[in-house]
PDB file of N, CA and C in Angstrom:
ATOM      1  N   UNK A   1     123.021  91.611 110.873  1.00  0.00           N
ATOM      2  CA  UNK A   1     123.211  93.046 110.949  1.00  0.00           C
ATOM      3  C   UNK A   1     122.404  93.713 109.837  1.00  0.00           C
ATOM      4  N   UNK A   2     121.798  94.875 110.139  1.00  0.00           N
ATOM      5  CA  UNK A   2     121.006  95.568 109.131  1.00  0.00           C
ATOM      6  C   UNK A   2     121.921  96.200 108.087  1.00  0.00           C
ATOM      7  N   UNK A   3     121.321  96.468 106.956  1.00  0.00           N
ATOM      8  CA  UNK A   3     122.098  97.085 105.889  1.00  0.00           C
ATOM      9  C   UNK A   3     122.371  98.550 106.231  1.00  0.00           C
ATOM     10  N   UNK A   4     123.468  99.063 105.672  1.00  0.00           N
ATOM     11  CA  UNK A   4     123.972 100.379 106.049  1.00  0.00           C
ATOM     12  C   UNK A   4     124.026 101.300 104.842  1.00  0.00           C
ATOM     13  N   UNK A   5     123.414 102.468 104.992  1.00  0.00           N
ATOM     14  CA  UNK A   5     123.491 103.508 103.966  1.00  0.00           C
ATOM     15  C   UNK A   5     124.175 104.724 104.586  1.00  0.00           C
ATOM     16  N   UNK A   6     125.170 105.224 103.888  1.00  0.00           N
ATOM     17  CA  UNK A   6     125.847 106.455 104.278  1.00  0.00           C
ATOM     18  C   UNK A   6     125.288 107.581 103.423  1.00  0.00           C
ATOM     19  N   UNK A   7     124.809 108.638 104.083  1.00  0.00           N
ATOM     20  CA  UNK A   7     124.308 109.819 103.386  1.00  0.00           C
ATOM     21  C   UNK A   7     125.321 110.938 103.592  1.00  0.00           C
ATOM     22  N   UNK A   8     125.884 111.442 102.511  1.00  0.00           N
ATOM     23  CA  UNK A   8     126.807 112.575 102.548  1.00  0.00           C
ATOM     24  C   UNK A   8     126.087 113.749 101.892  1.00  0.00           C
ATOM     25  N   UNK A   9     125.477 114.580 102.726  1.00  0.00           N
ATOM     26  CA  UNK A   9     124.610 115.663 102.253  1.00  0.00           C
ATOM     27  C   UNK A   9     124.699 116.821 103.237  1.00  0.00           C
ATOM     28  N   UNK A  10     125.048 118.017 102.742  1.00  0.00           N
ATOM     29  CA  UNK A  10     125.207 119.152 103.647  1.00  0.00           C
ATOM     30  C   UNK A  10     123.909 119.885 103.950  1.00  0.00           C
ATOM     31  N   UNK A  11     122.849 119.626 103.230  1.00  0.00           N
ATOM     32  CA  UNK A  11     121.555 120.242 103.527  1.00  0.00           C
ATOM     33  C   UNK A  11     120.878 119.405 104.615  1.00  0.00           C
ATOM     34  N   UNK A  12     120.851 119.944 105.827  1.00  0.00           N
ATOM     35  CA  UNK A  12     120.378 119.201 106.987  1.00  0.00           C
ATOM     36  C   UNK A  12     118.930 118.740 106.813  1.00  0.00           C
ATOM     37  N   UNK A  13     118.073 119.594 106.288  1.00  0.00           N
ATOM     38  CA  UNK A  13     116.668 119.220 106.113  1.00  0.00           C
ATOM     39  C   UNK A  13     116.529 118.031 105.162  1.00  0.00           C
ATOM     40  N   UNK A  14     117.260 118.060 104.057  1.00  0.00           N
ATOM     41  CA  UNK A  14     117.175 116.971 103.083  1.00  0.00           C
ATOM     42  C   UNK A  14     117.766 115.678 103.638  1.00  0.00           C
ATOM     43  N   UNK A  15     118.910 115.771 104.300  1.00  0.00           N
ATOM     44  CA  UNK A  15     119.498 114.554 104.863  1.00  0.00           C
ATOM     45  C   UNK A  15     118.566 113.974 105.929  1.00  0.00           C
ATOM     46  N   UNK A  16     117.866 114.841 106.659  1.00  0.00           N
ATOM     47  CA  UNK A  16     116.902 114.379 107.656  1.00  0.00           C
ATOM     48  C   UNK A  16     115.746 113.622 107.032  1.00  0.00           C
ATOM     49  N   UNK A  17     115.244 114.121 105.918  1.00  0.00           N
ATOM     50  CA  UNK A  17     114.157 113.442 105.208  1.00  0.00           C
ATOM     51  C   UNK A  17     114.639 112.078 104.707  1.00  0.00           C
ATOM     52  N   UNK A  18     115.830 112.040 104.113  1.00  0.00           N
ATOM     53  CA  UNK A  18     116.363 110.762 103.610  1.00  0.00           C
ATOM     54  C   UNK A  18     116.565 109.778 104.763  1.00  0.00           C
ATOM     55  N   UNK A  19     117.081 110.273 105.875  1.00  0.00           N
ATOM     56  CA  UNK A  19     117.311 109.416 107.039  1.00  0.00           C
ATOM     57  C   UNK A  19     115.986 108.843 107.544  1.00  0.00           C
ATOM     58  N   UNK A  20     114.948 109.666 107.554  1.00  0.00           N
ATOM     59  CA  UNK A  20     113.627 109.216 108.008  1.00  0.00           C
ATOM     60  C   UNK A  20     113.065 108.132 107.083  1.00  0.00           C
ATOM     61  N   UNK A  21     113.166 108.345 105.780  1.00  0.00           N
ATOM     62  CA  UNK A  21     112.675 107.354 104.803  1.00  0.00           C
ATOM     63  C   UNK A  21     113.398 106.021 104.991  1.00  0.00           C
ATOM     64  N   UNK A  22     114.704 106.071 105.147  1.00  0.00           N
ATOM     65  CA  UNK A  22     115.479 104.835 105.312  1.00  0.00           C
ATOM     66  C   UNK A  22     115.193 104.178 106.656  1.00  0.00           C
ATOM     67  N   UNK A  23     115.052 104.987 107.702  1.00  0.00           N
ATOM     68  CA  UNK A  23     114.756 104.446 109.024  1.00  0.00           C
ATOM     69  C   UNK A  23     113.434 103.703 109.058  1.00  0.00           C
ATOM     70  N   UNK A  24     112.429 104.225 108.361  1.00  0.00           N
ATOM     71  CA  UNK A  24     111.129 103.555 108.280  1.00  0.00           C
ATOM     72  C   UNK A  24     111.259 102.178 107.647  1.00  0.00           C
ATOM     73  N   UNK A  25     112.267 102.033 106.817  1.00  0.00           N
ATOM     74  CA  UNK A  25     112.482 100.770 106.105  1.00  0.00           C
ATOM     75  C   UNK A  25     113.561  99.918 106.771  1.00  0.00           C
ATOM     76  N   UNK A  26     113.839 100.219 108.027  1.00  0.00           N
ATOM     77  CA  UNK A  26     114.747  99.405 108.862  1.00  0.00           C
ATOM     78  C   UNK A  26     116.175  99.349 108.334  1.00  0.00           C
ATOM     79  N   UNK A  27     116.616 100.442 107.743  1.00  0.00           N
ATOM     80  CA  UNK A  27     117.984 100.531 107.240  1.00  0.00           C
ATOM     81  C   UNK A  27     118.797 101.354 108.239  1.00  0.00           C
ATOM     82  N   UNK A  28     119.984 100.893 108.561  1.00  0.00           N
ATOM     83  CA  UNK A  28     120.892 101.647 109.430  1.00  0.00           C
ATOM     84  C   UNK A  28     121.498 102.781 108.603  1.00  0.00           C
ATOM     85  N   UNK A  29     121.437 103.985 109.147  1.00  0.00           N
ATOM     86  CA  UNK A  29     121.861 105.172 108.405  1.00  0.00           C
ATOM     87  C   UNK A  29     122.928 105.933 109.182  1.00  0.00           C
ATOM     88  N   UNK A  30     123.943 106.378 108.456  1.00  0.00           N
ATOM     89  CA  UNK A  30     124.918 107.313 108.993  1.00  0.00           C
ATOM     90  C   UNK A  30     124.842 108.555 108.109  1.00  0.00           C
ATOM     91  N   UNK A  31     124.760 109.721 108.746  1.00  0.00           N
ATOM     92  CA  UNK A  31     124.681 110.976 107.998  1.00  0.00           C
ATOM     93  C   UNK A  31     125.925 111.793 108.284  1.00  0.00           C
ATOM     94  N   UNK A  32     126.493 112.340 107.238  1.00  0.00           N
ATOM     95  CA  UNK A  32     127.606 113.271 107.361  1.00  0.00           C
ATOM     96  C   UNK A  32     127.299 114.483 106.493  1.00  0.00           C
ATOM     97  N   UNK A  33     127.858 115.616 106.873  1.00  0.00           N
ATOM     98  CA  UNK A  33     127.536 116.851 106.163  1.00  0.00           C
ATOM     99  C   UNK A  33     128.711 117.420 105.375  1.00  0.00           C
ATOM    100  N   UNK A  34     129.776 116.627 105.240  1.00  0.00           N
ATOM    101  CA  UNK A  34     130.858 117.024 104.339  1.00  0.00           C
ATOM    102  C   UNK A  34     131.566 115.777 103.817  1.00  0.00           C
ATOM    103  N   UNK A  35     132.234 115.940 102.711  1.00  0.00           N
ATOM    104  CA  UNK A  35     132.852 114.806 102.044  1.00  0.00           C
ATOM    105  C   UNK A  35     134.010 114.178 102.796  1.00  0.00           C
ATOM    106  N   UNK A  36     134.777 114.984 103.524  1.00  0.00           N
ATOM    107  CA  UNK A  36     135.913 114.435 104.268  1.00  0.00           C
ATOM    108  C   UNK A  36     135.431 113.443 105.322  1.00  0.00           C
ATOM    109  N   UNK A  37     134.369 113.802 106.034  1.00  0.00           N
ATOM    110  CA  UNK A  37     133.806 112.885 107.029  1.00  0.00           C
ATOM    111  C   UNK A  37     133.316 111.598 106.361  1.00  0.00           C
ATOM    112  N   UNK A  38     132.718 111.742 105.193  1.00  0.00           N
ATOM    113  CA  UNK A  38     132.217 110.562 104.474  1.00  0.00           C
ATOM    114  C   UNK A  38     133.358 109.593 104.165  1.00  0.00           C
ATOM    115  N   UNK A  39     134.475 110.113 103.690  1.00  0.00           N
ATOM    116  CA  UNK A  39     135.626 109.262 103.376  1.00  0.00           C
ATOM    117  C   UNK A  39     136.156 108.603 104.648  1.00  0.00           C
ATOM    118  N   UNK A  40     136.248 109.371 105.717  1.00  0.00           N
ATOM    119  CA  UNK A  40     136.745 108.811 106.978  1.00  0.00           C
ATOM    120  C   UNK A  40     135.842 107.685 107.479  1.00  0.00           C
ATOM    121  N   UNK A  41     134.553 107.860 107.354  1.00  0.00           N
ATOM    122  CA  UNK A  41     133.611 106.808 107.761  1.00  0.00           C
ATOM    123  C   UNK A  41     133.790 105.578 106.879  1.00  0.00           C
ATOM    124  N   UNK A  42     133.927 105.792 105.577  1.00  0.00           N
ATOM    125  CA  UNK A  42     134.064 104.671 104.650  1.00  0.00           C
ATOM    126  C   UNK A  42     135.365 103.902 104.855  1.00  0.00           C
ATOM    127  N   UNK A  43     136.396 104.582 105.344  1.00  0.00           N
ATOM    128  CA  UNK A  43     137.654 103.885 105.611  1.00  0.00           C
ATOM    129  C   UNK A  43     137.495 102.898 106.768  1.00  0.00           C
ATOM    130  N   UNK A  44     136.549 103.160 107.656  1.00  0.00           N
ATOM    131  CA  UNK A  44     136.285 102.268 108.787  1.00  0.00           C
ATOM    132  C   UNK A  44     135.267 101.197 108.436  1.00  0.00           C
ATOM    133  N   UNK A  45     134.245 101.577 107.680  1.00  0.00           N
ATOM    134  CA  UNK A  45     133.187 100.646 107.288  1.00  0.00           C
ATOM    135  C   UNK A  45     132.578 101.106 105.974  1.00  0.00           C
ATOM    136  N   UNK A  46     132.796 100.343 104.926  1.00  0.00           N
ATOM    137  CA  UNK A  46     132.213 100.681 103.629  1.00  0.00           C
ATOM    138  C   UNK A  46     130.721 100.354 103.691  1.00  0.00           C
ATOM    139  N   UNK A  47     129.865 101.328 103.392  1.00  0.00           N
ATOM    140  CA  UNK A  47     128.424 101.084 103.467  1.00  0.00           C
ATOM    141  C   UNK A  47     127.942 100.214 102.307  1.00  0.00           C
ATOM    142  N   UNK A  48     126.714  99.755 102.418  1.00  0.00           N
ATOM    143  CA  UNK A  48     126.109  99.011 101.315  1.00  0.00           C
ATOM    144  C   UNK A  48     125.748  99.941 100.166  1.00  0.00           C
ATOM    145  N   UNK A  49     125.424 101.198 100.489  1.00  0.00           N
ATOM    146  CA  UNK A  49     125.097 102.225  99.490  1.00  0.00           C
ATOM    147  C   UNK A  49     125.560 103.576 100.042  1.00  0.00           C
ATOM    148  N   UNK A  50     126.097 104.406  99.150  1.00  0.00           N
ATOM    149  CA  UNK A  50     126.445 105.789  99.486  1.00  0.00           C
ATOM    150  C   UNK A  50     125.517 106.715  98.710  1.00  0.00           C
ATOM    151  N   UNK A  51     124.812 107.597  99.427  1.00  0.00           N
ATOM    152  CA  UNK A  51     124.024 108.652  98.801  1.00  0.00           C
ATOM    153  C   UNK A  51     124.865 109.913  98.932  1.00  0.00           C
ATOM    154  N   UNK A  52     125.258 110.487  97.799  1.00  0.00           N
ATOM    155  CA  UNK A  52     126.293 111.515  97.771  1.00  0.00           C
ATOM    156  C   UNK A  52     125.843 112.789  97.081  1.00  0.00           C
ATOM    157  N   UNK A  53     125.980 113.896  97.799  1.00  0.00           N
ATOM    158  CA  UNK A  53     125.791 115.219  97.208  1.00  0.00           C
ATOM    159  C   UNK A  53     127.109 115.609  96.528  1.00  0.00           C
ATOM    160  N   UNK A  54     127.043 116.435  95.516  1.00  0.00           N
ATOM    161  CA  UNK A  54     128.263 116.875  94.831  1.00  0.00           C
ATOM    162  C   UNK A  54     128.823 118.148  95.467  1.00  0.00           C
ATOM    163  N   UNK A  55     127.969 119.115  95.761  1.00  0.00           N
ATOM    164  CA  UNK A  55     128.430 120.382  96.330  1.00  0.00           C
ATOM    165  C   UNK A  55     128.341 120.320  97.847  1.00  0.00           C
ATOM    166  N   UNK A  56     129.494 120.095  98.492  1.00  0.00           N
ATOM    167  CA  UNK A  56     129.577 120.017  99.947  1.00  0.00           C
ATOM    168  C   UNK A  56     130.837 120.724 100.408  1.00  0.00           C
ATOM    169  N   UNK A  57     130.851 121.140 101.684  1.00  0.00           N
ATOM    170  CA  UNK A  57     132.055 121.781 102.218  1.00  0.00           C
ATOM    171  C   UNK A  57     133.162 120.768 102.511  1.00  0.00           C
ATOM    172  N   UNK A  58     134.325 121.267 102.758  1.00  0.00           N
ATOM    173  CA  UNK A  58     135.547 120.543 103.122  1.00  0.00           C
ATOM    174  C   UNK A  58     136.047 119.693 101.959  1.00  0.00           C
ATOM    175  N   UNK A  59     135.282 118.709 101.537  1.00  0.00           N
ATOM    176  CA  UNK A  59     135.616 117.877 100.374  1.00  0.00           C
ATOM    177  C   UNK A  59     134.325 117.651  99.614  1.00  0.00           C
ATOM    178  N   UNK A  60     134.294 118.034  98.348  1.00  0.00           N
ATOM    179  CA  UNK A  60     133.055 117.896  97.578  1.00  0.00           C
ATOM    180  C   UNK A  60     132.866 116.459  97.085  1.00  0.00           C
ATOM    181  N   UNK A  61     131.739 116.224  96.446  1.00  0.00           N
ATOM    182  CA  UNK A  61     131.423 114.883  95.963  1.00  0.00           C
ATOM    183  C   UNK A  61     132.449 114.349  94.976  1.00  0.00           C
ATOM    184  N   UNK A  62     132.985 115.207  94.130  1.00  0.00           N
ATOM    185  CA  UNK A  62     134.019 114.785  93.189  1.00  0.00           C
ATOM    186  C   UNK A  62     135.230 114.271  93.962  1.00  0.00           C
ATOM    187  N   UNK A  63     135.610 114.996  95.005  1.00  0.00           N
ATOM    188  CA  UNK A  63     136.738 114.568  95.838  1.00  0.00           C
ATOM    189  C   UNK A  63     136.459 113.242  96.527  1.00  0.00           C
ATOM    190  N   UNK A  64     135.220 113.042  96.954  1.00  0.00           N
ATOM    191  CA  UNK A  64     134.847 111.766  97.578  1.00  0.00           C
ATOM    192  C   UNK A  64     135.000 110.635  96.567  1.00  0.00           C
ATOM    193  N   UNK A  65     134.505 110.841  95.370  1.00  0.00           N
ATOM    194  CA  UNK A  65     134.603 109.801  94.330  1.00  0.00           C
ATOM    195  C   UNK A  65     136.060 109.485  94.002  1.00  0.00           C
ATOM    196  N   UNK A  66     136.893 110.525  93.918  1.00  0.00           N
ATOM    197  CA  UNK A  66     138.320 110.306  93.659  1.00  0.00           C
ATOM    198  C   UNK A  66     138.970 109.528  94.797  1.00  0.00           C
ATOM    199  N   UNK A  67     138.649 109.906  96.038  1.00  0.00           N
ATOM    200  CA  UNK A  67     139.216 109.212  97.197  1.00  0.00           C
ATOM    201  C   UNK A  67     138.769 107.754  97.229  1.00  0.00           C
ATOM    202  N   UNK A  68     137.520 107.512  96.892  1.00  0.00           N
ATOM    203  CA  UNK A  68     137.022 106.134  96.861  1.00  0.00           C
ATOM    204  C   UNK A  68     137.814 105.303  95.858  1.00  0.00           C
ATOM    205  N   UNK A  69     138.068 105.882  94.711  1.00  0.00           N
ATOM    206  CA  UNK A  69     138.812 105.171  93.679  1.00  0.00           C
ATOM    207  C   UNK A  69     140.246 104.906  94.140  1.00  0.00           C
ATOM    208  N   UNK A  70     140.902 105.944  94.672  1.00  0.00           N
ATOM    209  CA  UNK A  70     142.291 105.801  95.126  1.00  0.00           C
ATOM    210  C   UNK A  70     142.429 104.796  96.264  1.00  0.00           C
ATOM    211  N   UNK A  71     141.460 104.780  97.163  1.00  0.00           N
ATOM    212  CA  UNK A  71     141.524 103.911  98.341  1.00  0.00           C
ATOM    213  C   UNK A  71     140.810 102.574  98.124  1.00  0.00           C
ATOM    214  N   UNK A  72     140.287 102.383  96.915  1.00  0.00           N
ATOM    215  CA  UNK A  72     139.575 101.163  96.544  1.00  0.00           C
ATOM    216  C   UNK A  72     138.411 100.873  97.495  1.00  0.00           C
ATOM    217  N   UNK A  73     137.646 101.912  97.790  1.00  0.00           N
ATOM    218  CA  UNK A  73     136.434 101.802  98.608  1.00  0.00           C
ATOM    219  C   UNK A  73     135.265 101.628  97.659  1.00  0.00           C
ATOM    220  N   UNK A  74     134.747 100.434  97.571  1.00  0.00           N
ATOM    221  CA  UNK A  74     133.741 100.145  96.559  1.00  0.00           C
ATOM    222  C   UNK A  74     132.370  99.897  97.163  1.00  0.00           C
ATOM    223  N   UNK A  75     131.393 100.655  96.670  1.00  0.00           N
ATOM    224  CA  UNK A  75     129.989 100.445  96.982  1.00  0.00           C
ATOM    225  C   UNK A  75     129.181 101.219  95.943  1.00  0.00           C
ATOM    226  N   UNK A  76     127.914 100.860  95.760  1.00  0.00           N
ATOM    227  CA  UNK A  76     127.089 101.629  94.829  1.00  0.00           C
ATOM    228  C   UNK A  76     126.932 103.068  95.322  1.00  0.00           C
ATOM    229  N   UNK A  77     127.043 104.003  94.386  1.00  0.00           N
ATOM    230  CA  UNK A  77     126.903 105.428  94.708  1.00  0.00           C
ATOM    231  C   UNK A  77     125.687 105.975  93.974  1.00  0.00           C
ATOM    232  N   UNK A  78     124.842 106.672  94.739  1.00  0.00           N
ATOM    233  CA  UNK A  78     123.692 107.364  94.175  1.00  0.00           C
ATOM    234  C   UNK A  78     123.923 108.848  94.437  1.00  0.00           C
ATOM    235  N   UNK A  79     124.037 109.626  93.386  1.00  0.00           N
ATOM    236  CA  UNK A  79     124.271 111.066  93.517  1.00  0.00           C
ATOM    237  C   UNK A  79     122.930 111.782  93.621  1.00  0.00           C
ATOM    238  N   UNK A  80     122.846 112.678  94.593  1.00  0.00           N
ATOM    239  CA  UNK A  80     121.684 113.545  94.777  1.00  0.00           C
ATOM    240  C   UNK A  80     122.237 114.966  94.816  1.00  0.00           C
ATOM    241  N   UNK A  81     121.914 115.763  93.808  1.00  0.00           N
ATOM    242  CA  UNK A  81     122.543 117.082  93.680  1.00  0.00           C
ATOM    243  C   UNK A  81     121.607 118.089  93.031  1.00  0.00           C
ATOM    244  N   UNK A  82     121.952 119.347  93.136  1.00  0.00           N
ATOM    245  CA  UNK A  82     121.228 120.403  92.427  1.00  0.00           C
ATOM    246  C   UNK A  82     121.778 120.587  91.019  1.00  0.00           C
ATOM    247  N   UNK A  83     122.899 119.973  90.722  1.00  0.00           N
ATOM    248  CA  UNK A  83     123.554 120.141  89.427  1.00  0.00           C
ATOM    249  C   UNK A  83     122.962 119.172  88.402  1.00  0.00           C
ATOM    250  N   UNK A  84     122.637 119.692  87.246  1.00  0.00           N
ATOM    251  CA  UNK A  84     122.136 118.819  86.185  1.00  0.00           C
ATOM    252  C   UNK A  84     122.863 119.084  84.876  1.00  0.00           C
ATOM    253  N   UNK A  85     124.083 119.602  84.966  1.00  0.00           N
ATOM    254  CA  UNK A  85     124.848 119.952  83.775  1.00  0.00           C
ATOM    255  C   UNK A  85     125.620 118.745  83.225  1.00  0.00           C
ATOM    256  N   UNK A  86     126.143 118.907  82.051  1.00  0.00           N
ATOM    257  CA  UNK A  86     126.873 117.825  81.389  1.00  0.00           C
ATOM    258  C   UNK A  86     128.134 117.445  82.153  1.00  0.00           C
ATOM    259  N   UNK A  87     128.796 118.410  82.749  1.00  0.00           N
ATOM    260  CA  UNK A  87     130.016 118.128  83.520  1.00  0.00           C
ATOM    261  C   UNK A  87     129.700 117.148  84.655  1.00  0.00           C
ATOM    262  N   UNK A  88     128.593 117.364  85.341  1.00  0.00           N
ATOM    263  CA  UNK A  88     128.205 116.479  86.440  1.00  0.00           C
ATOM    264  C   UNK A  88     127.831 115.095  85.915  1.00  0.00           C
ATOM    265  N   UNK A  89     127.119 115.047  84.809  1.00  0.00           N
ATOM    266  CA  UNK A  89     126.768 113.747  84.209  1.00  0.00           C
ATOM    267  C   UNK A  89     128.031 112.985  83.804  1.00  0.00           C
ATOM    268  N   UNK A  90     128.992 113.694  83.239  1.00  0.00           N
ATOM    269  CA  UNK A  90     130.258 113.049  82.848  1.00  0.00           C
ATOM    270  C   UNK A  90     131.008 112.535  84.072  1.00  0.00           C
ATOM    271  N   UNK A  91     131.014 113.319  85.136  1.00  0.00           N
ATOM    272  CA  UNK A  91     131.649 112.903  86.383  1.00  0.00           C
ATOM    273  C   UNK A  91     131.015 111.603  86.892  1.00  0.00           C
ATOM    274  N   UNK A  92     129.710 111.563  86.876  1.00  0.00           N
ATOM    275  CA  UNK A  92     129.002 110.366  87.334  1.00  0.00           C
ATOM    276  C   UNK A  92     129.349 109.156  86.468  1.00  0.00           C
ATOM    277  N   UNK A  93     129.436 109.377  85.188  1.00  0.00           N
ATOM    278  CA  UNK A  93     129.784 108.285  84.283  1.00  0.00           C
ATOM    279  C   UNK A  93     131.226 107.822  84.516  1.00  0.00           C
ATOM    280  N   UNK A  94     132.137 108.768  84.660  1.00  0.00           N
ATOM    281  CA  UNK A  94     133.552 108.452  84.863  1.00  0.00           C
ATOM    282  C   UNK A  94     133.762 107.588  86.108  1.00  0.00           C
ATOM    283  N   UNK A  95     133.020 107.876  87.171  1.00  0.00           N
ATOM    284  CA  UNK A  95     133.210 107.165  88.427  1.00  0.00           C
ATOM    285  C   UNK A  95     132.157 106.062  88.647  1.00  0.00           C
ATOM    286  N   UNK A  96     131.465 105.693  87.594  1.00  0.00           N
ATOM    287  CA  UNK A  96     130.515 104.569  87.632  1.00  0.00           C
ATOM    288  C   UNK A  96     129.438 104.745  88.686  1.00  0.00           C
ATOM    289  N   UNK A  97     128.928 105.974  88.807  1.00  0.00           N
ATOM    290  CA  UNK A  97     127.815 106.242  89.707  1.00  0.00           C
ATOM    291  C   UNK A  97     126.607 105.458  89.202  1.00  0.00           C
ATOM    292  N   UNK A  98     125.924 104.786  90.120  1.00  0.00           N
ATOM    293  CA  UNK A  98     124.819 103.898  89.732  1.00  0.00           C
ATOM    294  C   UNK A  98     123.563 104.654  89.355  1.00  0.00           C
ATOM    295  N   UNK A  99     123.244 105.716  90.084  1.00  0.00           N
ATOM    296  CA  UNK A  99     122.046 106.506  89.804  1.00  0.00           C
ATOM    297  C   UNK A  99     122.308 107.956  90.154  1.00  0.00           C
ATOM    298  N   UNK A 100     121.443 108.818  89.631  1.00  0.00           N
ATOM    299  CA  UNK A 100     121.659 110.262  89.711  1.00  0.00           C
ATOM    300  C   UNK A 100     120.294 110.928  89.852  1.00  0.00           C
ATOM    301  N   UNK A 101     120.116 111.730  90.898  1.00  0.00           N
ATOM    302  CA  UNK A 101     118.872 112.467  91.096  1.00  0.00           C
ATOM    303  C   UNK A 101     119.182 113.949  91.183  1.00  0.00           C
ATOM    304  N   UNK A 102     118.346 114.774  90.527  1.00  0.00           N
ATOM    305  CA  UNK A 102     118.392 116.214  90.722  1.00  0.00           C
ATOM    306  C   UNK A 102     117.422 116.493  91.865  1.00  0.00           C
ATOM    307  N   UNK A 103     117.902 117.172  92.894  1.00  0.00           N
ATOM    308  CA  UNK A 103     117.119 117.363  94.122  1.00  0.00           C
ATOM    309  C   UNK A 103     115.718 117.909  93.860  1.00  0.00           C
ATOM    310  N   UNK A 104     115.609 118.895  92.979  1.00  0.00           N
ATOM    311  CA  UNK A 104     114.309 119.527  92.733  1.00  0.00           C
ATOM    312  C   UNK A 104     113.314 118.565  92.071  1.00  0.00           C
ATOM    313  N   UNK A 105     113.816 117.521  91.442  1.00  0.00           N
ATOM    314  CA  UNK A 105     112.947 116.543  90.772  1.00  0.00           C
ATOM    315  C   UNK A 105     112.778 115.257  91.580  1.00  0.00           C
ATOM    316  N   UNK A 106     113.461 115.163  92.714  1.00  0.00           N
ATOM    317  CA  UNK A 106     113.513 113.918  93.466  1.00  0.00           C
ATOM    318  C   UNK A 106     112.228 113.690  94.261  1.00  0.00           C
ATOM    319  N   UNK A 107     111.810 112.461  94.269  1.00  0.00           N
ATOM    320  CA  UNK A 107     110.647 112.026  95.024  1.00  0.00           C
ATOM    321  C   UNK A 107     111.118 110.991  96.041  1.00  0.00           C
ATOM    322  N   UNK A 108     110.643 111.070  97.273  1.00  0.00           N
ATOM    323  CA  UNK A 108     111.079 110.135  98.321  1.00  0.00           C
ATOM    324  C   UNK A 108     110.887 108.675  97.912  1.00  0.00           C
ATOM    325  N   UNK A 109     109.757 108.387  97.283  1.00  0.00           N
ATOM    326  CA  UNK A 109     109.483 107.004  96.876  1.00  0.00           C
ATOM    327  C   UNK A 109     110.476 106.529  95.816  1.00  0.00           C
ATOM    328  N   UNK A 110     110.785 107.408  94.868  1.00  0.00           N
ATOM    329  CA  UNK A 110     111.755 107.037  93.827  1.00  0.00           C
ATOM    330  C   UNK A 110     113.140 106.809  94.437  1.00  0.00           C
ATOM    331  N   UNK A 111     113.506 107.670  95.375  1.00  0.00           N
ATOM    332  CA  UNK A 111     114.808 107.515  96.023  1.00  0.00           C
ATOM    333  C   UNK A 111     114.852 106.184  96.780  1.00  0.00           C
ATOM    334  N   UNK A 112     113.800 105.883  97.544  1.00  0.00           N
ATOM    335  CA  UNK A 112     113.779 104.622  98.295  1.00  0.00           C
ATOM    336  C   UNK A 112     113.841 103.426  97.348  1.00  0.00           C
ATOM    337  N   UNK A 113     113.060 103.454  96.277  1.00  0.00           N
ATOM    338  CA  UNK A 113     113.045 102.349  95.317  1.00  0.00           C
ATOM    339  C   UNK A 113     114.439 102.120  94.749  1.00  0.00           C
ATOM    340  N   UNK A 114     115.142 103.203  94.450  1.00  0.00           N
ATOM    341  CA  UNK A 114     116.492 103.098  93.898  1.00  0.00           C
ATOM    342  C   UNK A 114     117.462 102.546  94.937  1.00  0.00           C
ATOM    343  N   UNK A 115     117.428 103.087  96.142  1.00  0.00           N
ATOM    344  CA  UNK A 115     118.317 102.594  97.200  1.00  0.00           C
ATOM    345  C   UNK A 115     118.033 101.132  97.481  1.00  0.00           C
ATOM    346  N   UNK A 116     116.767 100.782  97.567  1.00  0.00           N
ATOM    347  CA  UNK A 116     116.383  99.395  97.860  1.00  0.00           C
ATOM    348  C   UNK A 116     116.924  98.428  96.802  1.00  0.00           C
ATOM    349  N   UNK A 117     116.908  98.862  95.558  1.00  0.00           N
ATOM    350  CA  UNK A 117     117.434  98.027  94.466  1.00  0.00           C
ATOM    351  C   UNK A 117     118.898  97.667  94.729  1.00  0.00           C
ATOM    352  N   UNK A 118     119.687  98.631  95.145  1.00  0.00           N
ATOM    353  CA  UNK A 118     121.110  98.364  95.394  1.00  0.00           C
ATOM    354  C   UNK A 118     121.334  97.642  96.716  1.00  0.00           C
ATOM    355  N   UNK A 119     120.460  97.844  97.679  1.00  0.00           N
ATOM    356  CA  UNK A 119     120.566  97.077  98.923  1.00  0.00           C
ATOM    357  C   UNK A 119     120.293  95.603  98.659  1.00  0.00           C
ATOM    358  N   UNK A 120     119.321  95.332  97.804  1.00  0.00           N
ATOM    359  CA  UNK A 120     119.025  93.928  97.451  1.00  0.00           C
ATOM    360  C   UNK A 120     120.233  93.283  96.769  1.00  0.00           C
ATOM    361  N   UNK A 121     120.885  94.032  95.897  1.00  0.00           N
ATOM    362  CA  UNK A 121     122.079  93.505  95.227  1.00  0.00           C
ATOM    363  C   UNK A 121     123.208  93.286  96.239  1.00  0.00           C
ATOM    364  N   UNK A 122     123.291  94.165  97.244  1.00  0.00           N
ATOM    365  CA  UNK A 122     124.350  94.046  98.251  1.00  0.00           C
ATOM    366  C   UNK A 122     124.197  92.763  99.072  1.00  0.00           C
ATOM    367  N   UNK A 123     122.970  92.330  99.272  1.00  0.00           N
ATOM    368  CA  UNK A 123     122.732  91.091 100.015  1.00  0.00           C
ATOM    369  C   UNK A 123     123.398  89.922  99.306  1.00  0.00           C
ATOM    370  N   UNK A 124     123.380  89.963  97.995  1.00  0.00           N
ATOM    371  CA  UNK A 124     123.930  88.866  97.189  1.00  0.00           C
ATOM    372  C   UNK A 124     125.385  89.067  96.808  1.00  0.00           C
ATOM    373  N   UNK A 125     125.993  90.169  97.259  1.00  0.00           N
ATOM    374  CA  UNK A 125     127.373  90.491  96.905  1.00  0.00           C
ATOM    375  C   UNK A 125     128.327  89.628  97.731  1.00  0.00           C
ATOM    376  N   UNK A 126     129.354  89.077  97.107  1.00  0.00           N
ATOM    377  CA  UNK A 126     130.335  88.302  97.879  1.00  0.00           C
ATOM    378  C   UNK A 126     131.070  89.185  98.875  1.00  0.00           C
ATOM    379  N   UNK A 127     131.411  88.640 100.026  1.00  0.00           N
ATOM    380  CA  UNK A 127     132.082  89.430 101.067  1.00  0.00           C
ATOM    381  C   UNK A 127     133.567  89.390 100.880  1.00  0.00           C
TER     382      UNK A 127
END
């Protein structure tokens, strides 16, 4: 089975670009546009990597991280957000976010390289 990345991003254009980059690299992708859907998907199948926006409708990224912790849903999380403040950095640190990108500074190649790094680790992760 191919590796699975869940993208939780409410900006349709950006999630489309991320989905295209991952699809080119033969990664199975699920896209959701709010945090509640992301949690519901993860309760059925925990992805190999979660790409998570912080500012989303219904349930924001902070709520997703809290739900993951409460429900013991474990996978590497890469935050992609417009926020670059200390509060967001602290949130990422508190919830052991693996990587953090500010959308305006993000490059598709850098994002793929980062996701690929965690997908490689997932291959070696005990089931």
